[in-house]
Amino acid sequence: MIRIGIIGMSEGNAHPYSWSAIINGMADGAEIARVGYPAVADYLAANRATTGIPGAKVTQVWAQDTAIAESIARATGIDHVAGSLEEMATNIDAVILARDDPEHHRAMAAPFIEAGIPLFIDKPLAISREDLAWFAGHAAEGKFVMSCSSMRYASEVMSAKAQLAALGPIQLVTATGKKDWIKYGVHMLEAVFSLLDDPQPLSVRHSGQQGKDVVTIEFANGIIAVVHLFMHISPTFQLSVYGEKNWRLVDITNSYAMFRDNIIEFVRSVQEGRPRLRFETTSAVIGTLIAAKESREQGGITIHIH
């Protein structure tokens, strides 16, 4: 049995609850709704038949506030609330850093990287070139560092990927989502990169504004992707894929399935002793995310990645 520690919690991110519940097969919907996540309680209840990951259990939780950690433990069947990250590192086999505030990821990951404990870091891994290089250095040394958005494993993306050949050579992909570039742009980038089988990005340009992000990415294979993230539109995660022969709309809606598949990939990786997702793949996505941020900050200039 792989003993997993879970680290929470950043504002608005329910993953410490949902991911722990998916792994442990236990969810107190009333408690999860009480703390502000009724939609999470609903999809966990709807999918209770497939919750529980064989061979793994979340056995420890830590959060910056003990009351939050106790709530997560109570809601998802976690046995122990750790007093510190260092304490947690001595009693687990793997850890999930389930926070989407990348400015804190490096400091929180450090005790586990130093201890050689397999680590999954919630999206986005980093939002500065310095932090990305820090993680890349440890990955190059053989440390187990895995990170991505669960959009990489969305069933809707996988289904569309299997049908790309029927569209003819792909020319353009557009992606549309809601909320901010840093925490949600990474979702759309991960979906685009996964759909296209992780092509090499060449350049990135941000032609929008804060709250109305419009980002154009040119890939080495000639495909252009345009990603839109708007704060004040109807909630949606959609891709449109245009080939020479046909096109396809991909409407991504099943959060539970993508979360579960992402967790399964991490557990399989721990069992195999190495991340099944190459760090270089994650680095390309995060490098693109950072380049778009830099482009906006510099008035919409084109940032060349390679």
C-alpha atoms as a PDB file:
ATOM      1  CA  MET A   1       0.000   0.000   0.000  1.00  0.00           C
ATOM      2  CA  ILE A   2       1.395   3.372  -1.063  1.00  0.00           C
ATOM      3  CA  ARG A   3       0.976   5.854   1.792  1.00  0.00           C
ATOM      4  CA  ILE A   4       0.270   9.282   0.313  1.00  0.00           C
ATOM      5  CA  GLY A   5       0.477  12.645   2.031  1.00  0.00           C
ATOM      6  CA  ILE A   6      -1.682  15.515   0.798  1.00  0.00           C
ATOM      7  CA  ILE A   7      -0.790  19.183   1.199  1.00  0.00           C
ATOM      8  CA  GLY A   8      -3.497  21.845   1.207  1.00  0.00           C
ATOM      9  CA  MET A   9      -4.831  24.427   0.846  1.00  0.00           C
ATOM     10  CA  SER A  10      -4.884  27.447  -1.494  1.00  0.00           C
ATOM     11  CA  GLU A  11      -7.895  29.702  -1.877  1.00  0.00           C
ATOM     12  CA  GLY A  12     -10.623  28.329  -4.109  1.00  0.00           C
ATOM     13  CA  ASN A  13      -8.853  25.042  -4.867  1.00  0.00           C
ATOM     14  CA  ALA A  14     -10.830  22.040  -3.641  1.00  0.00           C
ATOM     15  CA  HIS A  15      -8.318  19.414  -4.795  1.00  0.00           C
ATOM     16  CA  PRO A  16      -7.214  18.456  -1.255  1.00  0.00           C
ATOM     17  CA  TYR A  17     -10.808  17.339  -0.657  1.00  0.00           C
ATOM     18  CA  SER A  18     -11.630  15.878  -4.053  1.00  0.00           C
ATOM     19  CA  TRP A  19      -8.340  14.071  -4.688  1.00  0.00           C
ATOM     20  CA  SER A  20      -8.201  12.607  -1.170  1.00  0.00           C
ATOM     21  CA  ALA A  21     -11.799  11.415  -1.550  1.00  0.00           C
ATOM     22  CA  ILE A  22     -11.086   9.851  -4.950  1.00  0.00           C
ATOM     23  CA  ILE A  23      -8.056   7.984  -3.591  1.00  0.00           C
ATOM     24  CA  ASN A  24      -9.576   6.879  -0.273  1.00  0.00           C
ATOM     25  CA  GLY A  25     -13.054   6.117  -1.598  1.00  0.00           C
ATOM     26  CA  MET A  26     -14.670   8.129   1.170  1.00  0.00           C
ATOM     27  CA  ALA A  27     -16.393  11.514   0.988  1.00  0.00           C
ATOM     28  CA  ASP A  28     -18.469  13.314   3.595  1.00  0.00           C
ATOM     29  CA  GLY A  29     -20.539  15.410   1.218  1.00  0.00           C
ATOM     30  CA  ALA A  30     -22.054  17.520   3.964  1.00  0.00           C
ATOM     31  CA  GLU A  31     -18.628  18.585   5.246  1.00  0.00           C
ATOM     32  CA  ILE A  32     -17.323  19.280   1.737  1.00  0.00           C
ATOM     33  CA  ALA A  33     -20.408  21.379   0.967  1.00  0.00           C
ATOM     34  CA  ARG A  34     -20.120  23.171   4.320  1.00  0.00           C
ATOM     35  CA  VAL A  35     -16.649  24.478   3.494  1.00  0.00           C
ATOM     36  CA  GLY A  36     -17.854  25.858   0.168  1.00  0.00           C
ATOM     37  CA  TYR A  37     -17.618  23.098  -2.448  1.00  0.00           C
ATOM     38  CA  PRO A  38     -21.123  21.703  -3.054  1.00  0.00           C
ATOM     39  CA  ALA A  39     -20.340  20.917  -6.716  1.00  0.00           C
ATOM     40  CA  VAL A  40     -17.422  18.731  -5.578  1.00  0.00           C
ATOM     41  CA  ALA A  41     -19.704  16.927  -3.124  1.00  0.00           C
ATOM     42  CA  ASP A  42     -22.185  16.335  -5.940  1.00  0.00           C
ATOM     43  CA  TYR A  43     -19.728  14.846  -8.436  1.00  0.00           C
ATOM     44  CA  LEU A  44     -18.122  12.672  -5.776  1.00  0.00           C
ATOM     45  CA  ALA A  45     -21.563  11.331  -4.832  1.00  0.00           C
ATOM     46  CA  ALA A  46     -22.459  10.752  -8.487  1.00  0.00           C
ATOM     47  CA  ASN A  47     -19.248   8.782  -9.044  1.00  0.00           C
ATOM     48  CA  ARG A  48     -19.008   6.947  -5.733  1.00  0.00           C
ATOM     49  CA  ALA A  49     -19.000   3.589  -7.532  1.00  0.00           C
ATOM     50  CA  THR A  50     -15.550   4.305  -8.975  1.00  0.00           C
ATOM     51  CA  THR A  51     -13.909   6.150  -6.073  1.00  0.00           C
ATOM     52  CA  GLY A  52     -11.042   4.434  -4.309  1.00  0.00           C
ATOM     53  CA  ILE A  53      -7.641   3.818  -5.943  1.00  0.00           C
ATOM     54  CA  PRO A  54      -6.354   0.243  -5.389  1.00  0.00           C
ATOM     55  CA  GLY A  55      -2.945   0.087  -3.773  1.00  0.00           C
ATOM     56  CA  ALA A  56      -2.956   3.650  -2.466  1.00  0.00           C
ATOM     57  CA  LYS A  57      -4.309   5.572   0.521  1.00  0.00           C
ATOM     58  CA  VAL A  58      -3.995   9.147   1.705  1.00  0.00           C
ATOM     59  CA  THR A  59      -2.777   8.637   5.265  1.00  0.00           C
ATOM     60  CA  GLN A  60      -1.596  12.143   6.193  1.00  0.00           C
ATOM     61  CA  VAL A  61      -2.673  15.715   5.543  1.00  0.00           C
ATOM     62  CA  TRP A  62      -1.069  19.064   6.264  1.00  0.00           C
ATOM     63  CA  ALA A  63      -2.479  22.551   5.765  1.00  0.00           C
ATOM     64  CA  GLN A  64      -1.411  26.000   6.893  1.00  0.00           C
ATOM     65  CA  ASP A  65      -4.370  26.012   9.286  1.00  0.00           C
ATOM     66  CA  THR A  66      -4.922  22.954  11.515  1.00  0.00           C
ATOM     67  CA  ALA A  67      -8.694  23.416  11.329  1.00  0.00           C
ATOM     68  CA  ILE A  68      -8.543  23.136   7.528  1.00  0.00           C
ATOM     69  CA  ALA A  69      -6.405  19.994   7.732  1.00  0.00           C
ATOM     70  CA  GLU A  70      -8.790  18.451  10.264  1.00  0.00           C
ATOM     71  CA  SER A  71     -11.745  19.200   7.983  1.00  0.00           C
ATOM     72  CA  ILE A  72     -10.016  17.546   5.002  1.00  0.00           C
ATOM     73  CA  ALA A  73      -9.153  14.528   7.164  1.00  0.00           C
ATOM     74  CA  ARG A  74     -12.678  14.232   8.527  1.00  0.00           C
ATOM     75  CA  ALA A  75     -14.292  14.561   5.106  1.00  0.00           C
ATOM     76  CA  THR A  76     -12.094  12.044   3.287  1.00  0.00           C
ATOM     77  CA  GLY A  77     -11.028   9.404   5.797  1.00  0.00           C
ATOM     78  CA  ILE A  78      -7.440  10.522   6.453  1.00  0.00           C
ATOM     79  CA  ASP A  79      -6.004   9.089   9.665  1.00  0.00           C
ATOM     80  CA  HIS A  80      -3.402  11.669  10.659  1.00  0.00           C
ATOM     81  CA  VAL A  81      -2.971  15.459  10.574  1.00  0.00           C
ATOM     82  CA  ALA A  82       0.749  16.219  10.286  1.00  0.00           C
ATOM     83  CA  GLY A  83       2.235  18.982  12.382  1.00  0.00           C
ATOM     84  CA  SER A  84       4.679  20.028   9.681  1.00  0.00           C
ATOM     85  CA  LEU A  85       5.840  19.157   6.184  1.00  0.00           C
ATOM     86  CA  GLU A  86       9.042  17.733   7.659  1.00  0.00           C
ATOM     87  CA  GLU A  87       7.037  15.438   9.935  1.00  0.00           C
ATOM     88  CA  MET A  88       4.906  14.287   7.011  1.00  0.00           C
ATOM     89  CA  ALA A  89       8.029  13.456   4.982  1.00  0.00           C
ATOM     90  CA  THR A  90       9.087  10.809   7.521  1.00  0.00           C
ATOM     91  CA  ASN A  91       5.841   8.835   7.352  1.00  0.00           C
ATOM     92  CA  ILE A  92       4.737   8.613   3.723  1.00  0.00           C
ATOM     93  CA  ASP A  93       5.774   6.949   0.454  1.00  0.00           C
ATOM     94  CA  ALA A  94       4.585   9.728  -1.895  1.00  0.00           C
ATOM     95  CA  VAL A  95       3.084  13.194  -1.660  1.00  0.00           C
ATOM     96  CA  ILE A  96       0.588  15.341  -3.572  1.00  0.00           C
ATOM     97  CA  LEU A  97       1.114  19.087  -3.249  1.00  0.00           C
ATOM     98  CA  ALA A  98      -2.520  19.967  -3.903  1.00  0.00           C
ATOM     99  CA  ARG A  99      -2.201  23.742  -4.068  1.00  0.00           C
ATOM    100  CA  ASP A 100      -2.418  25.931  -7.172  1.00  0.00           C
ATOM    101  CA  ASP A 101      -0.392  28.865  -5.807  1.00  0.00           C
ATOM    102  CA  PRO A 102       2.880  28.333  -7.688  1.00  0.00           C
ATOM    103  CA  GLU A 103       4.750  31.002  -5.753  1.00  0.00           C
ATOM    104  CA  HIS A 104       4.766  28.598  -2.759  1.00  0.00           C
ATOM    105  CA  HIS A 105       5.492  25.342  -4.595  1.00  0.00           C
ATOM    106  CA  ARG A 106       9.281  25.469  -4.418  1.00  0.00           C
ATOM    107  CA  ALA A 107       9.435  25.968  -0.645  1.00  0.00           C
ATOM    108  CA  MET A 108       6.778  23.350   0.050  1.00  0.00           C
ATOM    109  CA  ALA A 109       8.310  20.800  -2.305  1.00  0.00           C
ATOM    110  CA  ALA A 110      11.826  21.140  -0.930  1.00  0.00           C
ATOM    111  CA  PRO A 111      11.523  18.818   2.126  1.00  0.00           C
ATOM    112  CA  PHE A 112      10.184  15.995  -0.036  1.00  0.00           C
ATOM    113  CA  ILE A 113      12.681  16.456  -2.868  1.00  0.00           C
ATOM    114  CA  GLU A 114      15.497  16.437  -0.314  1.00  0.00           C
ATOM    115  CA  ALA A 115      14.080  13.250   1.222  1.00  0.00           C
ATOM    116  CA  GLY A 116      13.757  11.575  -2.199  1.00  0.00           C
ATOM    117  CA  ILE A 117       9.984  11.149  -1.880  1.00  0.00           C
ATOM    118  CA  PRO A 118       7.949  10.931  -5.130  1.00  0.00           C
ATOM    119  CA  LEU A 119       6.092  14.185  -5.563  1.00  0.00           C
ATOM    120  CA  PHE A 120       3.119  15.338  -7.617  1.00  0.00           C
ATOM    121  CA  ILE A 121       2.640  19.111  -7.768  1.00  0.00           C
ATOM    122  CA  ASP A 122      -0.700  20.616  -8.736  1.00  0.00           C
ATOM    123  CA  LYS A 123      -0.830  22.962 -11.682  1.00  0.00           C
ATOM    124  CA  PRO A 124       0.868  25.241 -12.436  1.00  0.00           C
ATOM    125  CA  LEU A 125       4.239  23.907 -11.340  1.00  0.00           C
ATOM    126  CA  ALA A 126       5.884  27.352 -11.426  1.00  0.00           C
ATOM    127  CA  ILE A 127       5.319  30.852 -12.722  1.00  0.00           C
ATOM    128  CA  SER A 128       8.911  32.119 -12.782  1.00  0.00           C
ATOM    129  CA  ARG A 129      11.819  30.953 -14.893  1.00  0.00           C
ATOM    130  CA  GLU A 130      13.944  30.690 -11.739  1.00  0.00           C
ATOM    131  CA  ASP A 131      11.555  28.249 -10.044  1.00  0.00           C
ATOM    132  CA  LEU A 132      11.079  26.225 -13.226  1.00  0.00           C
ATOM    133  CA  ALA A 133      14.851  25.903 -13.558  1.00  0.00           C
ATOM    134  CA  TRP A 134      15.078  24.815  -9.901  1.00  0.00           C
ATOM    135  CA  PHE A 135      12.604  21.986 -10.455  1.00  0.00           C
ATOM    136  CA  ALA A 136      14.240  21.074 -13.768  1.00  0.00           C
ATOM    137  CA  GLY A 137      17.600  20.758 -12.059  1.00  0.00           C
ATOM    138  CA  HIS A 138      16.251  18.323  -9.489  1.00  0.00           C
ATOM    139  CA  ALA A 139      14.418  16.318 -12.169  1.00  0.00           C
ATOM    140  CA  ALA A 140      17.667  16.099 -14.168  1.00  0.00           C
ATOM    141  CA  GLU A 141      19.367  14.689 -11.056  1.00  0.00           C
ATOM    142  CA  GLY A 142      16.794  11.893 -10.952  1.00  0.00           C
ATOM    143  CA  LYS A 143      14.452  13.309  -8.333  1.00  0.00           C
ATOM    144  CA  PHE A 144      10.842  12.205  -8.789  1.00  0.00           C
ATOM    145  CA  VAL A 145       8.973  15.395  -9.753  1.00  0.00           C
ATOM    146  CA  MET A 146       5.673  15.088 -11.644  1.00  0.00           C
ATOM    147  CA  SER A 147       3.276  17.927 -12.441  1.00  0.00           C
ATOM    148  CA  CYS A 148       0.491  18.729 -14.878  1.00  0.00           C
ATOM    149  CA  SER A 149      -3.074  19.866 -15.211  1.00  0.00           C
ATOM    150  CA  SER A 150      -5.559  17.002 -15.229  1.00  0.00           C
ATOM    151  CA  MET A 151      -6.745  18.335 -18.609  1.00  0.00           C
ATOM    152  CA  ARG A 152      -3.870  16.290 -20.032  1.00  0.00           C
ATOM    153  CA  TYR A 153      -5.928  13.172 -19.272  1.00  0.00           C
ATOM    154  CA  ALA A 154      -9.423  14.499 -20.076  1.00  0.00           C
ATOM    155  CA  SER A 155     -11.443  11.772 -21.760  1.00  0.00           C
ATOM    156  CA  GLU A 156     -12.840  14.299 -24.221  1.00  0.00           C
ATOM    157  CA  VAL A 157      -9.303  15.233 -25.309  1.00  0.00           C
ATOM    158  CA  MET A 158      -8.308  11.576 -25.661  1.00  0.00           C
ATOM    159  CA  SER A 159     -11.398  10.866 -27.770  1.00  0.00           C
ATOM    160  CA  ALA A 160     -10.688  13.810 -30.066  1.00  0.00           C
ATOM    161  CA  LYS A 161      -7.025  12.821 -30.343  1.00  0.00           C
ATOM    162  CA  ALA A 162      -8.033   9.399 -31.641  1.00  0.00           C
ATOM    163  CA  GLN A 163     -10.008  11.083 -34.437  1.00  0.00           C
ATOM    164  CA  LEU A 164      -7.515  13.738 -35.548  1.00  0.00           C
ATOM    165  CA  ALA A 165      -6.427  11.802 -38.636  1.00  0.00           C
ATOM    166  CA  ALA A 166      -9.915  12.197 -40.100  1.00  0.00           C
ATOM    167  CA  LEU A 167      -9.550  15.988 -40.001  1.00  0.00           C
ATOM    168  CA  GLY A 168      -6.527  16.018 -42.302  1.00  0.00           C
ATOM    169  CA  PRO A 169      -3.362  17.955 -41.482  1.00  0.00           C
ATOM    170  CA  ILE A 170      -4.127  20.207 -38.493  1.00  0.00           C
ATOM    171  CA  GLN A 171      -3.715  23.924 -39.145  1.00  0.00           C
ATOM    172  CA  LEU A 172      -5.276  25.676 -36.153  1.00  0.00           C
ATOM    173  CA  VAL A 173      -6.474  24.976 -32.611  1.00  0.00           C
ATOM    174  CA  THR A 174      -8.459  27.497 -30.589  1.00  0.00           C
ATOM    175  CA  ALA A 175      -9.067  27.082 -26.860  1.00  0.00           C
ATOM    176  CA  THR A 176     -11.474  28.978 -24.650  1.00  0.00           C
ATOM    177  CA  GLY A 177     -11.734  29.022 -20.867  1.00  0.00           C
ATOM    178  CA  LYS A 178     -12.798  31.139 -17.935  1.00  0.00           C
ATOM    179  CA  LYS A 179     -10.808  32.901 -15.182  1.00  0.00           C
ATOM    180  CA  ASP A 180      -7.176  33.939 -14.936  1.00  0.00           C
ATOM    181  CA  TRP A 181      -4.173  33.066 -17.083  1.00  0.00           C
ATOM    182  CA  ILE A 182      -1.908  31.678 -14.361  1.00  0.00           C
ATOM    183  CA  LYS A 183      -4.232  29.143 -12.705  1.00  0.00           C
ATOM    184  CA  TYR A 184      -6.544  28.377 -15.629  1.00  0.00           C
ATOM    185  CA  GLY A 185      -4.505  29.139 -18.726  1.00  0.00           C
ATOM    186  CA  VAL A 186      -2.410  26.126 -17.791  1.00  0.00           C
ATOM    187  CA  HIS A 187      -5.532  23.947 -18.135  1.00  0.00           C
ATOM    188  CA  MET A 188      -6.056  25.029 -21.726  1.00  0.00           C
ATOM    189  CA  LEU A 189      -2.365  24.769 -22.601  1.00  0.00           C
ATOM    190  CA  GLU A 190      -2.213  21.249 -21.183  1.00  0.00           C
ATOM    191  CA  ALA A 191      -5.264  20.227 -23.207  1.00  0.00           C
ATOM    192  CA  VAL A 192      -3.820  21.703 -26.423  1.00  0.00           C
ATOM    193  CA  PHE A 193      -0.369  20.168 -25.929  1.00  0.00           C
ATOM    194  CA  SER A 194      -1.852  16.764 -25.045  1.00  0.00           C
ATOM    195  CA  LEU A 195      -4.248  16.805 -28.004  1.00  0.00           C
ATOM    196  CA  LEU A 196      -1.419  17.584 -30.438  1.00  0.00           C
ATOM    197  CA  ASP A 197       0.958  15.017 -28.910  1.00  0.00           C
ATOM    198  CA  ASP A 198       3.198  17.636 -27.307  1.00  0.00           C
ATOM    199  CA  PRO A 199       4.691  19.548 -30.233  1.00  0.00           C
ATOM    200  CA  GLN A 200       7.634  21.873 -29.612  1.00  0.00           C
ATOM    201  CA  PRO A 201       6.529  25.495 -29.033  1.00  0.00           C
ATOM    202  CA  LEU A 202       8.566  28.090 -30.922  1.00  0.00           C
ATOM    203  CA  SER A 203       7.027  31.435 -29.972  1.00  0.00           C
ATOM    204  CA  VAL A 204       4.337  32.950 -27.773  1.00  0.00           C
ATOM    205  CA  ARG A 205       2.550  36.293 -28.001  1.00  0.00           C
ATOM    206  CA  HIS A 206      -0.036  37.772 -25.612  1.00  0.00           C
ATOM    207  CA  SER A 207      -2.257  40.210 -27.534  1.00  0.00           C
ATOM    208  CA  GLY A 208      -4.994  40.601 -24.916  1.00  0.00           C
ATOM    209  CA  GLN A 209      -5.099  42.301 -21.545  1.00  0.00           C
ATOM    210  CA  GLN A 210      -5.341  41.257 -17.920  1.00  0.00           C
ATOM    211  CA  GLY A 211      -8.682  39.531 -17.433  1.00  0.00           C
ATOM    212  CA  LYS A 212      -9.048  39.117 -21.202  1.00  0.00           C
ATOM    213  CA  ASP A 213      -6.101  36.949 -22.159  1.00  0.00           C
ATOM    214  CA  VAL A 214      -5.506  36.126 -25.836  1.00  0.00           C
ATOM    215  CA  VAL A 215      -2.354  34.082 -26.418  1.00  0.00           C
ATOM    216  CA  THR A 216      -1.011  32.849 -29.761  1.00  0.00           C
ATOM    217  CA  ILE A 217       1.446  29.954 -29.845  1.00  0.00           C
ATOM    218  CA  GLU A 218       3.398  28.861 -32.894  1.00  0.00           C
ATOM    219  CA  PHE A 219       4.615  25.250 -32.880  1.00  0.00           C
ATOM    220  CA  ALA A 220       7.565  23.755 -34.732  1.00  0.00           C
ATOM    221  CA  ASN A 221       5.226  21.566 -36.813  1.00  0.00           C
ATOM    222  CA  GLY A 222       3.497  24.656 -38.223  1.00  0.00           C
ATOM    223  CA  ILE A 223       0.309  24.446 -36.164  1.00  0.00           C
ATOM    224  CA  ILE A 224      -0.972  27.676 -34.609  1.00  0.00           C
ATOM    225  CA  ALA A 225      -2.911  27.642 -31.319  1.00  0.00           C
ATOM    226  CA  VAL A 226      -4.852  30.605 -29.939  1.00  0.00           C
ATOM    227  CA  VAL A 227      -5.914  30.442 -26.293  1.00  0.00           C
ATOM    228  CA  HIS A 228      -8.577  32.731 -24.803  1.00  0.00           C
ATOM    229  CA  LEU A 229      -9.041  33.130 -21.031  1.00  0.00           C
ATOM    230  CA  PHE A 230     -11.701  35.643 -19.976  1.00  0.00           C
ATOM    231  CA  MET A 231     -12.716  36.340 -16.392  1.00  0.00           C
ATOM    232  CA  HIS A 232     -16.297  37.288 -17.162  1.00  0.00           C
ATOM    233  CA  ILE A 233     -17.676  34.751 -19.595  1.00  0.00           C
ATOM    234  CA  SER A 234     -19.885  31.732 -19.080  1.00  0.00           C
ATOM    235  CA  PRO A 235     -17.813  28.892 -17.546  1.00  0.00           C
ATOM    236  CA  THR A 236     -16.426  26.705 -20.299  1.00  0.00           C
ATOM    237  CA  PHE A 237     -13.436  24.638 -21.343  1.00  0.00           C
ATOM    238  CA  GLN A 238     -13.540  24.116 -25.097  1.00  0.00           C
ATOM    239  CA  LEU A 239     -11.156  23.354 -27.935  1.00  0.00           C
ATOM    240  CA  SER A 240     -11.854  23.770 -31.639  1.00  0.00           C
ATOM    241  CA  VAL A 241      -9.545  21.827 -33.961  1.00  0.00           C
ATOM    242  CA  TYR A 242      -9.318  22.776 -37.644  1.00  0.00           C
ATOM    243  CA  GLY A 243      -7.772  20.503 -40.253  1.00  0.00           C
ATOM    244  CA  GLU A 244      -7.598  20.733 -44.030  1.00  0.00           C
ATOM    245  CA  LYS A 245     -10.535  18.320 -44.414  1.00  0.00           C
ATOM    246  CA  ASN A 246     -12.748  18.874 -41.372  1.00  0.00           C
ATOM    247  CA  TRP A 247     -12.983  20.332 -37.876  1.00  0.00           C
ATOM    248  CA  ARG A 248     -13.997  19.170 -34.419  1.00  0.00           C
ATOM    249  CA  LEU A 249     -15.345  20.875 -31.283  1.00  0.00           C
ATOM    250  CA  VAL A 250     -14.115  19.405 -27.986  1.00  0.00           C
ATOM    251  CA  ASP A 251     -16.262  20.328 -24.974  1.00  0.00           C
ATOM    252  CA  ILE A 252     -14.453  19.327 -21.774  1.00  0.00           C
ATOM    253  CA  THR A 253     -16.887  18.750 -18.905  1.00  0.00           C
ATOM    254  CA  ASN A 254     -16.004  15.619 -16.900  1.00  0.00           C
ATOM    255  CA  SER A 255     -13.715  16.912 -14.126  1.00  0.00           C
ATOM    256  CA  TYR A 256     -14.045  13.788 -11.994  1.00  0.00           C
ATOM    257  CA  ALA A 257     -12.801  11.434 -14.715  1.00  0.00           C
ATOM    258  CA  MET A 258      -9.756  13.556 -15.542  1.00  0.00           C
ATOM    259  CA  PHE A 259      -8.845  13.888 -11.854  1.00  0.00           C
ATOM    260  CA  ARG A 260      -9.104  10.147 -11.320  1.00  0.00           C
ATOM    261  CA  ASP A 261      -7.032   9.320 -14.389  1.00  0.00           C
ATOM    262  CA  ASN A 262      -4.381  11.836 -13.342  1.00  0.00           C
ATOM    263  CA  ILE A 263      -4.172  10.286  -9.875  1.00  0.00           C
ATOM    264  CA  ILE A 264      -3.952   6.793 -11.366  1.00  0.00           C
ATOM    265  CA  GLU A 265      -1.026   7.933 -13.537  1.00  0.00           C
ATOM    266  CA  PHE A 266       0.764   9.267 -10.453  1.00  0.00           C
ATOM    267  CA  VAL A 267       0.161   6.079  -8.458  1.00  0.00           C
ATOM    268  CA  ARG A 268       1.359   3.955 -11.403  1.00  0.00           C
ATOM    269  CA  SER A 269       4.420   6.167 -11.646  1.00  0.00           C
ATOM    270  CA  VAL A 270       5.229   5.634  -7.965  1.00  0.00           C
ATOM    271  CA  GLN A 271       4.808   1.888  -8.420  1.00  0.00           C
ATOM    272  CA  GLU A 272       7.177   1.961 -11.421  1.00  0.00           C
ATOM    273  CA  GLY A 273       9.711   4.192  -9.644  1.00  0.00           C
ATOM    274  CA  ARG A 274       9.691   7.074 -12.137  1.00  0.00           C
ATOM    275  CA  PRO A 275       7.230   9.654 -13.513  1.00  0.00           C
ATOM    276  CA  ARG A 276       5.307   8.313 -16.502  1.00  0.00           C
ATOM    277  CA  LEU A 277       5.040  11.953 -17.651  1.00  0.00           C
ATOM    278  CA  ARG A 278       8.447  13.265 -18.726  1.00  0.00           C
ATOM    279  CA  PHE A 279       9.533  16.430 -16.963  1.00  0.00           C
ATOM    280  CA  GLU A 280      10.507  17.928 -20.335  1.00  0.00           C
ATOM    281  CA  THR A 281       6.851  17.731 -21.373  1.00  0.00           C
ATOM    282  CA  THR A 282       5.746  19.645 -18.291  1.00  0.00           C
ATOM    283  CA  SER A 283       8.571  22.144 -18.770  1.00  0.00           C
ATOM    284  CA  ALA A 284       7.344  22.967 -22.294  1.00  0.00           C
ATOM    285  CA  VAL A 285       3.826  23.706 -21.029  1.00  0.00           C
ATOM    286  CA  ILE A 286       4.997  25.794 -18.075  1.00  0.00           C
ATOM    287  CA  GLY A 287       7.586  27.579 -20.208  1.00  0.00           C
ATOM    288  CA  THR A 288       4.773  28.602 -22.558  1.00  0.00           C
ATOM    289  CA  LEU A 289       2.629  29.773 -19.634  1.00  0.00           C
ATOM    290  CA  ILE A 290       5.494  31.928 -18.337  1.00  0.00           C
ATOM    291  CA  ALA A 291       6.338  33.293 -21.801  1.00  0.00           C
ATOM    292  CA  ALA A 292       2.739  34.476 -22.273  1.00  0.00           C
ATOM    293  CA  LYS A 293       2.868  36.271 -18.922  1.00  0.00           C
ATOM    294  CA  GLU A 294       6.141  37.933 -19.915  1.00  0.00           C
ATOM    295  CA  SER A 295       4.702  38.943 -23.296  1.00  0.00           C
ATOM    296  CA  ARG A 296       1.741  40.692 -21.664  1.00  0.00           C
ATOM    297  CA  GLU A 297       4.018  42.449 -19.157  1.00  0.00           C
ATOM    298  CA  GLN A 298       6.188  43.691 -22.048  1.00  0.00           C
ATOM    299  CA  GLY A 299       3.377  45.116 -24.145  1.00  0.00           C
ATOM    300  CA  GLY A 300       2.565  42.079 -26.258  1.00  0.00           C
ATOM    301  CA  ILE A 301       5.978  41.349 -27.757  1.00  0.00           C
ATOM    302  CA  THR A 302       6.640  37.942 -29.255  1.00  0.00           C
ATOM    303  CA  ILE A 303       8.654  35.715 -26.914  1.00  0.00           C
ATOM    304  CA  HIS A 304      10.776  33.138 -28.733  1.00  0.00           C
ATOM    305  CA  ILE A 305      11.116  29.894 -26.773  1.00  0.00           C
ATOM    306  CA  HIS A 306      13.566  28.012 -29.048  1.00  0.00           C
END
